[in-house]
Amino acid sequence: MKHILLYLIAGTRGGETRARIINFLRKKPSNAHKLAKSLKLDYKTITHHLEILIDNKILGVTTQKKYGAVYYLDEFFEKEISTFDEIVAKFGQDLGKSN
């Protein structure tokens, strides 16, 4: 899980956005529209990152239909949340910047 998180959060341009999504969903599950509005990002940007996080078992979703789907932290990922916190603390402002 650590290698996946390092790549998704610290190793790619979208890492900062994915970290923001994860931090938002830590507080409470949400749908894509609310995430986009709360994080002040385009809806398509949010759905792109949500798909990546689901494919990598970071997030779960209540239904496969896009409209009205509620996203939440995957149970397995929640057990590894300290790894995510370590990565965010270590890379901080450098998140998502390509070398």
C-alpha atoms as a PDB file:
ATOM      1  CA  MET A   1       0.000   0.000   0.000  1.00  0.00           C
ATOM      2  CA  LYS A   2       2.841   2.407   0.796  1.00  0.00           C
ATOM      3  CA  HIS A   3       4.273   2.191  -2.734  1.00  0.00           C
ATOM      4  CA  ILE A   4       0.859   2.804  -4.280  1.00  0.00           C
ATOM      5  CA  LEU A   5       0.267   5.819  -2.037  1.00  0.00           C
ATOM      6  CA  LEU A   6       3.720   7.237  -2.730  1.00  0.00           C
ATOM      7  CA  TYR A   7       3.041   7.044  -6.445  1.00  0.00           C
ATOM      8  CA  LEU A   8      -0.539   8.370  -6.294  1.00  0.00           C
ATOM      9  CA  ILE A   9       0.123  11.179  -3.821  1.00  0.00           C
ATOM     10  CA  ALA A  10       3.772  12.182  -4.173  1.00  0.00           C
ATOM     11  CA  GLY A  11       4.796  10.811  -7.558  1.00  0.00           C
ATOM     12  CA  THR A  12       2.296  12.281  -9.992  1.00  0.00           C
ATOM     13  CA  ARG A  13       0.966  15.719 -10.921  1.00  0.00           C
ATOM     14  CA  GLY A  14      -2.497  15.004  -9.514  1.00  0.00           C
ATOM     15  CA  GLY A  15      -1.190  13.986  -6.109  1.00  0.00           C
ATOM     16  CA  GLU A  16      -2.208  17.153  -4.326  1.00  0.00           C
ATOM     17  CA  THR A  17      -5.764  16.903  -5.654  1.00  0.00           C
ATOM     18  CA  ARG A  18      -6.003  13.255  -4.614  1.00  0.00           C
ATOM     19  CA  ALA A  19      -4.691  14.123  -1.142  1.00  0.00           C
ATOM     20  CA  ARG A  20      -7.321  16.861  -0.822  1.00  0.00           C
ATOM     21  CA  ILE A  21     -10.069  14.436  -1.851  1.00  0.00           C
ATOM     22  CA  ILE A  22      -8.896  11.835   0.674  1.00  0.00           C
ATOM     23  CA  ASN A  23      -8.719  14.412   3.465  1.00  0.00           C
ATOM     24  CA  PHE A  24     -12.220  15.649   2.646  1.00  0.00           C
ATOM     25  CA  LEU A  25     -13.642  12.119   2.642  1.00  0.00           C
ATOM     26  CA  ARG A  26     -11.959  11.330   5.972  1.00  0.00           C
ATOM     27  CA  LYS A  27     -14.503  13.595   7.607  1.00  0.00           C
ATOM     28  CA  LYS A  28     -17.543  12.160   5.863  1.00  0.00           C
ATOM     29  CA  PRO A  29     -18.525  10.340   2.670  1.00  0.00           C
ATOM     30  CA  SER A  30     -19.638  12.567  -0.179  1.00  0.00           C
ATOM     31  CA  ASN A  31     -20.730  12.626  -3.801  1.00  0.00           C
ATOM     32  CA  ALA A  32     -18.666  14.036  -6.670  1.00  0.00           C
ATOM     33  CA  HIS A  33     -20.725  17.213  -7.014  1.00  0.00           C
ATOM     34  CA  LYS A  34     -20.276  18.154  -3.362  1.00  0.00           C
ATOM     35  CA  LEU A  35     -16.556  17.346  -3.543  1.00  0.00           C
ATOM     36  CA  ALA A  36     -16.121  19.556  -6.610  1.00  0.00           C
ATOM     37  CA  LYS A  37     -17.990  22.422  -5.003  1.00  0.00           C
ATOM     38  CA  SER A  38     -16.240  22.133  -1.621  1.00  0.00           C
ATOM     39  CA  LEU A  39     -12.748  21.768  -3.090  1.00  0.00           C
ATOM     40  CA  LYS A  40     -13.426  24.393  -5.783  1.00  0.00           C
ATOM     41  CA  LEU A  41     -12.434  22.059  -8.596  1.00  0.00           C
ATOM     42  CA  ASP A  42     -14.065  21.121 -11.875  1.00  0.00           C
ATOM     43  CA  TYR A  43     -16.503  18.192 -11.667  1.00  0.00           C
ATOM     44  CA  LYS A  44     -14.633  16.281 -14.408  1.00  0.00           C
ATOM     45  CA  THR A  45     -11.352  16.743 -12.554  1.00  0.00           C
ATOM     46  CA  ILE A  46     -12.912  15.300  -9.412  1.00  0.00           C
ATOM     47  CA  THR A  47     -14.441  12.315 -11.218  1.00  0.00           C
ATOM     48  CA  HIS A  48     -11.101  11.580 -12.918  1.00  0.00           C
ATOM     49  CA  HIS A  49      -9.289  11.436  -9.573  1.00  0.00           C
ATOM     50  CA  LEU A  50     -12.111   9.494  -7.914  1.00  0.00           C
ATOM     51  CA  GLU A  51     -11.789   6.786 -10.576  1.00  0.00           C
ATOM     52  CA  ILE A  52      -8.033   6.551  -9.986  1.00  0.00           C
ATOM     53  CA  LEU A  53      -8.539   6.280  -6.220  1.00  0.00           C
ATOM     54  CA  ILE A  54     -11.221   3.597  -6.647  1.00  0.00           C
ATOM     55  CA  ASP A  55      -9.071   1.600  -9.091  1.00  0.00           C
ATOM     56  CA  ASN A  56      -6.276   1.591  -6.498  1.00  0.00           C
ATOM     57  CA  LYS A  57      -8.523   0.504  -3.608  1.00  0.00           C
ATOM     58  CA  ILE A  58      -8.200   3.824  -1.761  1.00  0.00           C
ATOM     59  CA  LEU A  59     -11.889   4.681  -2.074  1.00  0.00           C
ATOM     60  CA  GLY A  60     -15.115   2.746  -2.240  1.00  0.00           C
ATOM     61  CA  VAL A  61     -18.368   3.822  -3.860  1.00  0.00           C
ATOM     62  CA  THR A  62     -21.968   3.012  -2.982  1.00  0.00           C
ATOM     63  CA  THR A  63     -23.065   2.391  -6.580  1.00  0.00           C
ATOM     64  CA  GLN A  64     -21.452   2.161 -10.006  1.00  0.00           C
ATOM     65  CA  LYS A  65     -23.796   4.817 -11.370  1.00  0.00           C
ATOM     66  CA  LYS A  66     -21.970   8.138 -11.466  1.00  0.00           C
ATOM     67  CA  TYR A  67     -24.862  10.395 -10.524  1.00  0.00           C
ATOM     68  CA  GLY A  68     -25.633  10.213  -6.835  1.00  0.00           C
ATOM     69  CA  ALA A  69     -22.803   7.811  -6.042  1.00  0.00           C
ATOM     70  CA  VAL A  70     -21.334   8.357  -2.588  1.00  0.00           C
ATOM     71  CA  TYR A  71     -17.585   7.944  -2.176  1.00  0.00           C
ATOM     72  CA  TYR A  72     -15.901   6.872   1.045  1.00  0.00           C
ATOM     73  CA  LEU A  73     -12.514   5.660   2.271  1.00  0.00           C
ATOM     74  CA  ASP A  74     -12.010   1.962   1.612  1.00  0.00           C
ATOM     75  CA  GLU A  75     -11.881  -0.158   4.767  1.00  0.00           C
ATOM     76  CA  PHE A  76      -8.414  -1.498   3.893  1.00  0.00           C
ATOM     77  CA  PHE A  77      -7.091   2.012   3.249  1.00  0.00           C
ATOM     78  CA  GLU A  78      -8.490   3.259   6.567  1.00  0.00           C
ATOM     79  CA  LYS A  79      -6.235   0.726   8.308  1.00  0.00           C
ATOM     80  CA  GLU A  80      -3.273   2.276   6.469  1.00  0.00           C
ATOM     81  CA  ILE A  81      -4.243   5.927   6.973  1.00  0.00           C
ATOM     82  CA  SER A  82      -1.088   6.581   9.009  1.00  0.00           C
ATOM     83  CA  THR A  83       0.969   5.804   5.889  1.00  0.00           C
ATOM     84  CA  PHE A  84      -0.992   8.449   3.988  1.00  0.00           C
ATOM     85  CA  ASP A  85      -0.405  10.934   6.826  1.00  0.00           C
ATOM     86  CA  GLU A  86       3.345  10.204   6.752  1.00  0.00           C
ATOM     87  CA  ILE A  87       3.514  10.835   3.002  1.00  0.00           C
ATOM     88  CA  VAL A  88       1.596  14.106   3.251  1.00  0.00           C
ATOM     89  CA  ALA A  89       3.768  15.247   6.169  1.00  0.00           C
ATOM     90  CA  LYS A  90       6.983  14.315   4.364  1.00  0.00           C
ATOM     91  CA  PHE A  91       6.208  15.788   0.952  1.00  0.00           C
ATOM     92  CA  GLY A  92       3.887  18.612   2.002  1.00  0.00           C
ATOM     93  CA  GLN A  93       4.236  21.487  -0.466  1.00  0.00           C
ATOM     94  CA  ASP A  94       5.935  19.280  -3.046  1.00  0.00           C
ATOM     95  CA  LEU A  95       2.860  17.086  -3.527  1.00  0.00           C
ATOM     96  CA  GLY A  96       1.988  16.492  -7.124  1.00  0.00           C
ATOM     97  CA  LYS A  97       4.980  18.314  -8.588  1.00  0.00           C
ATOM     98  CA  SER A  98       6.829  16.319 -11.209  1.00  0.00           C
ATOM     99  CA  ASN A  99      10.621  16.278 -11.047  1.00  0.00           C
END
